[in-house]
Amino acid sequence: MKIAVTSNGTDGATELALDAQASPVFGRCAAYVFVETDTMAFEVVENPAIGASGGAGIQAAQFIIERGTQAVVTGNVGPNAFNVFQAAGVPIYLFGGGTVRQAVEAFKAGELAATGGASRPAHTGTGLGRGMGRGRGTGR
């Protein structure tokens, strides 16, 4: 089975992909590691939607579906990406943290349950925080 695991990236060292930290975010993670669970063969692909000004989750979900992925393992997923996956029949499994290899092993062992909905509200990963401007800058 071909799955995609969100990853914080490998700094260009592809052979380290399985030992990289799994990302807690979906649409704006650094990379996706596509793993064939039977053989553990894998491919690392940088997230083409990471710099999108909007709709990163939707674009990333479409990208993953186009690559023939049968399941996704990630830390969190927003409602827009979840809806794209749901429409395509691709289940999403939430992983609490660890390496990509640990995520794949947990998936293979049946330790991860498919999520029935988004785990984060829309626009969570966009950096549009609600800080109250307490940086003490002069703003001139």
N, C-alpha and C. Protein backbone atom coordinates (compact mmCIF):
# COMPACT_ATOMS: atom_id res chain seq x y z
N MET A 1 0.85 -1.17 0.00
CA MET A 1 0.00 0.00 0.00
C MET A 1 0.89 1.23 0.00
N LYS A 2 0.54 2.20 -0.80
CA LYS A 2 1.30 3.45 -0.87
C LYS A 2 0.67 4.49 0.06
N ILE A 3 1.48 4.95 1.02
CA ILE A 3 1.01 5.98 1.94
C ILE A 3 1.91 7.20 1.85
N ALA A 4 1.40 8.33 2.29
CA ALA A 4 2.18 9.56 2.38
C ALA A 4 2.26 9.96 3.84
N VAL A 5 3.47 10.29 4.28
CA VAL A 5 3.69 10.75 5.65
C VAL A 5 4.24 12.17 5.58
N THR A 6 3.66 13.07 6.35
CA THR A 6 4.18 14.44 6.38
C THR A 6 5.51 14.45 7.12
N SER A 7 6.45 15.26 6.62
CA SER A 7 7.79 15.26 7.18
C SER A 7 8.30 16.68 7.36
N ASN A 8 9.15 16.87 8.37
CA ASN A 8 9.81 18.15 8.56
C ASN A 8 10.97 18.34 7.61
N GLY A 9 11.27 17.34 6.79
CA GLY A 9 12.33 17.44 5.79
C GLY A 9 13.61 16.76 6.23
N THR A 10 14.51 16.63 5.26
CA THR A 10 15.76 15.91 5.49
C THR A 10 16.98 16.75 5.15
N ASP A 11 16.81 18.03 4.91
CA ASP A 11 17.91 18.91 4.53
C ASP A 11 18.67 18.37 3.32
N GLY A 12 17.94 17.78 2.39
CA GLY A 12 18.54 17.30 1.15
C GLY A 12 19.12 15.90 1.22
N ALA A 13 19.21 15.29 2.37
CA ALA A 13 19.77 13.94 2.50
C ALA A 13 18.63 12.92 2.40
N THR A 14 18.31 12.52 1.20
CA THR A 14 17.17 11.65 0.95
C THR A 14 17.25 10.34 1.74
N GLU A 15 18.46 9.81 1.92
CA GLU A 15 18.59 8.54 2.64
C GLU A 15 18.16 8.65 4.10
N LEU A 16 18.04 9.87 4.62
CA LEU A 16 17.61 10.08 6.00
C LEU A 16 16.10 10.26 6.13
N ALA A 17 15.39 10.14 5.05
CA ALA A 17 13.96 10.47 5.04
C ALA A 17 13.15 9.70 6.07
N LEU A 18 13.42 8.42 6.24
CA LEU A 18 12.62 7.63 7.18
C LEU A 18 12.94 7.99 8.62
N ASP A 19 14.10 8.56 8.87
CA ASP A 19 14.48 8.93 10.23
C ASP A 19 14.23 10.41 10.53
N ALA A 20 13.67 11.14 9.57
CA ALA A 20 13.31 12.53 9.80
C ALA A 20 12.08 12.60 10.70
N GLN A 21 11.90 13.70 11.36
CA GLN A 21 10.72 13.88 12.20
C GLN A 21 9.47 14.01 11.34
N ALA A 22 8.44 13.30 11.72
CA ALA A 22 7.14 13.45 11.05
C ALA A 22 6.61 14.83 11.42
N SER A 23 5.96 15.48 10.48
CA SER A 23 5.47 16.84 10.71
C SER A 23 4.10 16.82 11.38
N PRO A 24 3.89 17.76 12.32
CA PRO A 24 2.58 17.86 12.95
C PRO A 24 1.56 18.60 12.10
N VAL A 25 1.98 19.13 10.95
CA VAL A 25 1.06 19.86 10.07
C VAL A 25 1.00 19.18 8.71
N PHE A 26 -0.10 19.37 8.01
CA PHE A 26 -0.25 18.74 6.70
C PHE A 26 0.08 19.69 5.55
N GLY A 27 -0.71 20.72 5.37
CA GLY A 27 -0.62 21.56 4.17
C GLY A 27 0.64 22.36 4.03
N ARG A 28 1.31 22.65 5.12
CA ARG A 28 2.53 23.46 5.06
C ARG A 28 3.75 22.74 5.64
N CYS A 29 3.73 21.41 5.59
CA CYS A 29 4.90 20.65 6.02
C CYS A 29 6.00 20.84 4.97
N ALA A 30 7.24 20.52 5.32
CA ALA A 30 8.36 20.70 4.40
C ALA A 30 8.33 19.71 3.24
N ALA A 31 7.97 18.46 3.53
CA ALA A 31 8.03 17.42 2.50
C ALA A 31 7.04 16.31 2.80
N TYR A 32 6.81 15.51 1.78
CA TYR A 32 6.00 14.30 1.93
C TYR A 32 6.91 13.11 1.62
N VAL A 33 6.82 12.08 2.44
CA VAL A 33 7.55 10.85 2.18
C VAL A 33 6.51 9.82 1.76
N PHE A 34 6.60 9.40 0.50
CA PHE A 34 5.70 8.40 -0.04
C PHE A 34 6.34 7.04 0.20
N VAL A 35 5.66 6.18 0.93
CA VAL A 35 6.24 4.90 1.34
C VAL A 35 5.35 3.76 0.84
N GLU A 36 5.99 2.77 0.25
CA GLU A 36 5.32 1.53 -0.11
C GLU A 36 5.45 0.63 1.12
N THR A 37 4.34 0.41 1.83
CA THR A 37 4.42 -0.26 3.14
C THR A 37 4.89 -1.71 3.06
N ASP A 38 4.71 -2.38 1.94
CA ASP A 38 5.14 -3.78 1.83
C ASP A 38 6.66 -3.91 1.76
N THR A 39 7.30 -2.95 1.09
CA THR A 39 8.75 -3.05 0.86
C THR A 39 9.55 -1.99 1.60
N MET A 40 8.88 -0.96 2.11
CA MET A 40 9.51 0.20 2.75
C MET A 40 10.30 1.04 1.74
N ALA A 41 10.08 0.81 0.45
CA ALA A 41 10.67 1.68 -0.56
C ALA A 41 9.99 3.04 -0.41
N PHE A 42 10.76 4.12 -0.60
CA PHE A 42 10.18 5.44 -0.38
C PHE A 42 10.71 6.47 -1.37
N GLU A 43 9.98 7.55 -1.45
CA GLU A 43 10.37 8.70 -2.26
C GLU A 43 10.04 9.95 -1.46
N VAL A 44 10.97 10.89 -1.43
CA VAL A 44 10.76 12.15 -0.74
C VAL A 44 10.47 13.23 -1.77
N VAL A 45 9.40 13.99 -1.54
CA VAL A 45 9.04 15.07 -2.46
C VAL A 45 8.76 16.32 -1.64
N GLU A 46 9.43 17.40 -1.99
CA GLU A 46 9.17 18.66 -1.30
C GLU A 46 7.71 19.06 -1.53
N ASN A 47 7.13 19.67 -0.53
CA ASN A 47 5.73 20.09 -0.60
C ASN A 47 5.61 21.26 -1.57
N PRO A 48 4.93 21.06 -2.70
CA PRO A 48 4.80 22.14 -3.68
C PRO A 48 3.87 23.26 -3.21
N ALA A 49 3.10 23.03 -2.16
CA ALA A 49 2.13 24.02 -1.70
C ALA A 49 2.60 24.81 -0.49
N ILE A 50 3.82 24.55 -0.02
CA ILE A 50 4.28 25.16 1.23
C ILE A 50 4.27 26.69 1.17
N GLY A 51 4.55 27.26 0.03
CA GLY A 51 4.60 28.71 -0.09
C GLY A 51 3.34 29.33 -0.65
N ALA A 52 2.28 28.56 -0.77
CA ALA A 52 1.03 29.08 -1.34
C ALA A 52 0.47 30.19 -0.45
N SER A 53 -0.03 31.23 -1.09
CA SER A 53 -0.60 32.33 -0.32
C SER A 53 -1.94 31.95 0.31
N GLY A 54 -2.57 30.95 -0.22
CA GLY A 54 -3.83 30.45 0.31
C GLY A 54 -4.14 29.10 -0.29
N GLY A 55 -4.93 28.32 0.39
CA GLY A 55 -5.34 27.02 -0.13
C GLY A 55 -4.25 25.97 -0.13
N ALA A 56 -3.26 26.10 0.75
CA ALA A 56 -2.15 25.14 0.78
C ALA A 56 -2.65 23.72 1.06
N GLY A 57 -3.59 23.58 1.97
CA GLY A 57 -4.10 22.25 2.30
C GLY A 57 -4.79 21.58 1.12
N ILE A 58 -5.58 22.34 0.41
CA ILE A 58 -6.28 21.81 -0.77
C ILE A 58 -5.28 21.42 -1.85
N GLN A 59 -4.32 22.31 -2.13
CA GLN A 59 -3.32 22.03 -3.16
C GLN A 59 -2.49 20.80 -2.80
N ALA A 60 -2.08 20.72 -1.53
CA ALA A 60 -1.28 19.58 -1.08
C ALA A 60 -2.08 18.28 -1.17
N ALA A 61 -3.33 18.32 -0.79
CA ALA A 61 -4.18 17.12 -0.85
C ALA A 61 -4.34 16.65 -2.29
N GLN A 62 -4.58 17.58 -3.20
CA GLN A 62 -4.71 17.22 -4.62
C GLN A 62 -3.42 16.61 -5.15
N PHE A 63 -2.29 17.18 -4.77
CA PHE A 63 -0.98 16.68 -5.17
C PHE A 63 -0.79 15.24 -4.72
N ILE A 64 -1.12 14.97 -3.47
CA ILE A 64 -0.95 13.63 -2.92
C ILE A 64 -1.88 12.62 -3.59
N ILE A 65 -3.11 13.01 -3.85
CA ILE A 65 -4.06 12.13 -4.53
C ILE A 65 -3.58 11.81 -5.94
N GLU A 66 -3.07 12.82 -6.65
CA GLU A 66 -2.58 12.62 -8.02
C GLU A 66 -1.42 11.62 -8.08
N ARG A 67 -0.70 11.45 -6.98
CA ARG A 67 0.43 10.53 -6.93
C ARG A 67 -0.01 9.11 -6.57
N GLY A 68 -1.31 8.87 -6.48
CA GLY A 68 -1.82 7.52 -6.24
C GLY A 68 -1.72 7.04 -4.81
N THR A 69 -1.68 7.96 -3.88
CA THR A 69 -1.58 7.62 -2.46
C THR A 69 -2.89 7.03 -1.97
N GLN A 70 -2.79 5.97 -1.17
CA GLN A 70 -3.97 5.29 -0.66
C GLN A 70 -4.33 5.65 0.77
N ALA A 71 -3.40 6.31 1.49
CA ALA A 71 -3.65 6.76 2.86
C ALA A 71 -2.63 7.83 3.20
N VAL A 72 -2.99 8.68 4.16
CA VAL A 72 -2.11 9.76 4.60
C VAL A 72 -1.92 9.64 6.11
N VAL A 73 -0.68 9.83 6.57
CA VAL A 73 -0.36 9.85 8.00
C VAL A 73 0.23 11.22 8.30
N THR A 74 -0.39 11.94 9.22
CA THR A 74 0.02 13.30 9.54
C THR A 74 -0.33 13.62 10.99
N GLY A 75 0.21 14.72 11.48
CA GLY A 75 -0.11 15.14 12.84
C GLY A 75 -1.48 15.78 12.95
N ASN A 76 -1.82 16.58 11.96
CA ASN A 76 -3.11 17.29 11.94
C ASN A 76 -3.51 17.57 10.51
N VAL A 77 -4.79 17.78 10.32
CA VAL A 77 -5.30 18.13 8.99
C VAL A 77 -6.46 19.10 9.17
N GLY A 78 -6.50 20.10 8.30
CA GLY A 78 -7.57 21.08 8.35
C GLY A 78 -8.79 20.61 7.58
N PRO A 79 -9.90 21.35 7.70
CA PRO A 79 -11.16 20.93 7.08
C PRO A 79 -11.13 20.91 5.55
N ASN A 80 -10.43 21.83 4.93
CA ASN A 80 -10.42 21.87 3.47
C ASN A 80 -9.69 20.66 2.89
N ALA A 81 -8.51 20.36 3.43
CA ALA A 81 -7.76 19.19 2.98
C ALA A 81 -8.54 17.92 3.30
N PHE A 82 -9.13 17.86 4.49
CA PHE A 82 -9.90 16.69 4.87
C PHE A 82 -11.01 16.43 3.86
N ASN A 83 -11.71 17.47 3.45
CA ASN A 83 -12.81 17.31 2.49
C ASN A 83 -12.32 16.79 1.14
N VAL A 84 -11.15 17.25 0.70
CA VAL A 84 -10.59 16.76 -0.56
C VAL A 84 -10.29 15.27 -0.45
N PHE A 85 -9.64 14.89 0.65
CA PHE A 85 -9.33 13.47 0.84
C PHE A 85 -10.58 12.62 0.97
N GLN A 86 -11.56 13.12 1.70
CA GLN A 86 -12.81 12.38 1.89
C GLN A 86 -13.50 12.14 0.54
N ALA A 87 -13.53 13.17 -0.30
CA ALA A 87 -14.16 13.04 -1.62
C ALA A 87 -13.44 12.02 -2.49
N ALA A 88 -12.13 11.88 -2.30
CA ALA A 88 -11.34 10.93 -3.09
C ALA A 88 -11.28 9.54 -2.44
N GLY A 89 -11.83 9.40 -1.24
CA GLY A 89 -11.80 8.11 -0.56
C GLY A 89 -10.44 7.75 0.02
N VAL A 90 -9.64 8.76 0.33
CA VAL A 90 -8.32 8.54 0.91
C VAL A 90 -8.39 8.81 2.42
N PRO A 91 -8.20 7.79 3.25
CA PRO A 91 -8.28 7.99 4.70
C PRO A 91 -7.06 8.72 5.25
N ILE A 92 -7.27 9.43 6.36
CA ILE A 92 -6.21 10.17 7.04
C ILE A 92 -6.05 9.56 8.43
N TYR A 93 -4.81 9.28 8.77
CA TYR A 93 -4.48 8.72 10.08
C TYR A 93 -3.64 9.73 10.84
N LEU A 94 -4.01 10.02 12.07
CA LEU A 94 -3.28 10.99 12.87
C LEU A 94 -2.18 10.30 13.67
N PHE A 95 -1.00 10.90 13.64
CA PHE A 95 0.18 10.37 14.32
C PHE A 95 0.65 11.42 15.31
N GLY A 96 0.85 11.00 16.56
CA GLY A 96 1.14 11.93 17.65
C GLY A 96 2.55 12.48 17.70
N GLY A 97 3.48 11.94 16.97
CA GLY A 97 4.84 12.46 16.98
C GLY A 97 5.87 11.36 16.95
N GLY A 98 7.00 11.66 16.34
CA GLY A 98 8.08 10.70 16.19
C GLY A 98 8.65 10.83 14.79
N THR A 99 9.33 9.81 14.35
CA THR A 99 9.94 9.83 13.03
C THR A 99 8.96 9.31 11.97
N VAL A 100 9.33 9.53 10.72
CA VAL A 100 8.53 9.00 9.61
C VAL A 100 8.49 7.47 9.72
N ARG A 101 9.61 6.86 10.02
CA ARG A 101 9.66 5.39 10.16
C ARG A 101 8.69 4.92 11.25
N GLN A 102 8.67 5.61 12.39
CA GLN A 102 7.76 5.23 13.48
C GLN A 102 6.31 5.40 13.05
N ALA A 103 6.04 6.43 12.25
CA ALA A 103 4.67 6.63 11.75
C ALA A 103 4.26 5.48 10.84
N VAL A 104 5.16 5.07 9.96
CA VAL A 104 4.86 3.96 9.04
C VAL A 104 4.66 2.67 9.83
N GLU A 105 5.54 2.42 10.80
CA GLU A 105 5.42 1.20 11.61
C GLU A 105 4.11 1.19 12.40
N ALA A 106 3.73 2.34 12.96
CA ALA A 106 2.46 2.42 13.69
C ALA A 106 1.28 2.17 12.76
N PHE A 107 1.37 2.70 11.55
CA PHE A 107 0.31 2.48 10.55
C PHE A 107 0.22 0.98 10.22
N LYS A 108 1.35 0.37 9.92
CA LYS A 108 1.38 -1.05 9.55
C LYS A 108 0.87 -1.94 10.68
N ALA A 109 1.13 -1.55 11.93
CA ALA A 109 0.71 -2.34 13.08
C ALA A 109 -0.75 -2.12 13.45
N GLY A 110 -1.43 -1.22 12.74
CA GLY A 110 -2.83 -0.95 13.03
C GLY A 110 -3.03 -0.11 14.28
N GLU A 111 -1.99 0.61 14.69
CA GLU A 111 -2.07 1.42 15.91
C GLU A 111 -2.68 2.80 15.68
N LEU A 112 -2.87 3.18 14.43
CA LEU A 112 -3.44 4.49 14.12
C LEU A 112 -4.86 4.33 13.63
N ALA A 113 -5.75 5.15 14.12
CA ALA A 113 -7.14 5.11 13.67
C ALA A 113 -7.38 6.22 12.65
N ALA A 114 -8.19 5.90 11.66
CA ALA A 114 -8.55 6.92 10.67
C ALA A 114 -9.40 7.98 11.35
N THR A 115 -9.12 9.24 11.01
CA THR A 115 -9.87 10.33 11.60
C THR A 115 -11.17 10.54 10.82
N GLY A 116 -12.21 10.90 11.54
CA GLY A 116 -13.51 11.11 10.92
C GLY A 116 -13.76 12.56 10.54
N GLY A 117 -12.77 13.42 10.77
CA GLY A 117 -12.95 14.83 10.45
C GLY A 117 -11.65 15.59 10.64
N ALA A 118 -11.71 16.86 10.37
CA ALA A 118 -10.53 17.71 10.52
C ALA A 118 -10.10 17.74 11.98
N SER A 119 -8.80 17.84 12.20
CA SER A 119 -8.29 17.91 13.57
C SER A 119 -7.90 19.33 13.94
N ARG A 120 -7.96 20.24 12.99
CA ARG A 120 -7.63 21.65 13.21
C ARG A 120 -8.62 22.51 12.45
N PRO A 121 -8.86 23.73 12.96
CA PRO A 121 -9.72 24.64 12.20
C PRO A 121 -9.01 25.15 10.96
N ALA A 122 -9.76 25.72 10.06
CA ALA A 122 -9.19 26.28 8.83
C ALA A 122 -8.17 27.36 9.15
N HIS A 123 -7.16 27.45 8.32
CA HIS A 123 -6.12 28.49 8.38
C HIS A 123 -5.25 28.43 9.61
N THR A 124 -5.13 27.29 10.25
CA THR A 124 -4.31 27.17 11.46
C THR A 124 -2.83 27.36 11.16
N GLY A 125 -2.35 26.83 10.06
CA GLY A 125 -0.92 26.88 9.78
C GLY A 125 -0.46 28.09 9.01
N THR A 126 -1.26 29.12 8.89
CA THR A 126 -0.89 30.27 8.06
C THR A 126 -0.08 31.31 8.79
N GLY A 127 0.08 31.20 10.08
CA GLY A 127 0.86 32.17 10.81
C GLY A 127 0.11 33.46 11.08
N LEU A 128 -1.18 33.47 10.89
CA LEU A 128 -1.98 34.66 11.13
C LEU A 128 -2.41 34.68 12.59
N GLY A 129 -1.42 34.84 13.44
CA GLY A 129 -1.66 34.78 14.87
C GLY A 129 -2.48 35.94 15.38
N ARG A 130 -2.86 35.87 16.61
CA ARG A 130 -3.66 36.90 17.24
C ARG A 130 -2.87 37.64 18.32
N GLY A 131 -1.56 37.77 18.07
CA GLY A 131 -0.74 38.52 19.01
C GLY A 131 -1.28 39.93 19.14
N MET A 132 -1.13 40.49 20.27
CA MET A 132 -1.72 41.80 20.53
C MET A 132 -0.73 42.93 20.32
N GLY A 133 0.31 42.70 19.50
CA GLY A 133 1.23 43.77 19.18
C GLY A 133 2.08 44.21 20.36
N ARG A 134 2.46 43.30 21.19
CA ARG A 134 3.24 43.63 22.37
C ARG A 134 4.75 43.58 22.11
N GLY A 135 5.15 43.69 20.85
CA GLY A 135 6.55 43.65 20.51
C GLY A 135 7.29 44.94 20.83
N ARG A 136 6.58 45.95 21.23
CA ARG A 136 7.15 47.24 21.63
C ARG A 136 7.88 47.95 20.50
N GLY A 137 7.56 47.56 19.26
CA GLY A 137 8.15 48.26 18.11
C GLY A 137 7.55 49.65 17.99
N THR A 138 8.27 50.51 17.31
CA THR A 138 7.76 51.89 17.19
C THR A 138 6.72 51.98 16.09
N GLY A 139 6.76 51.06 15.12
CA GLY A 139 5.74 51.03 14.08
C GLY A 139 5.69 52.26 13.21
N ARG A 140 6.81 52.94 13.09
CA ARG A 140 6.81 54.18 12.29
C ARG A 140 7.24 53.92 10.91
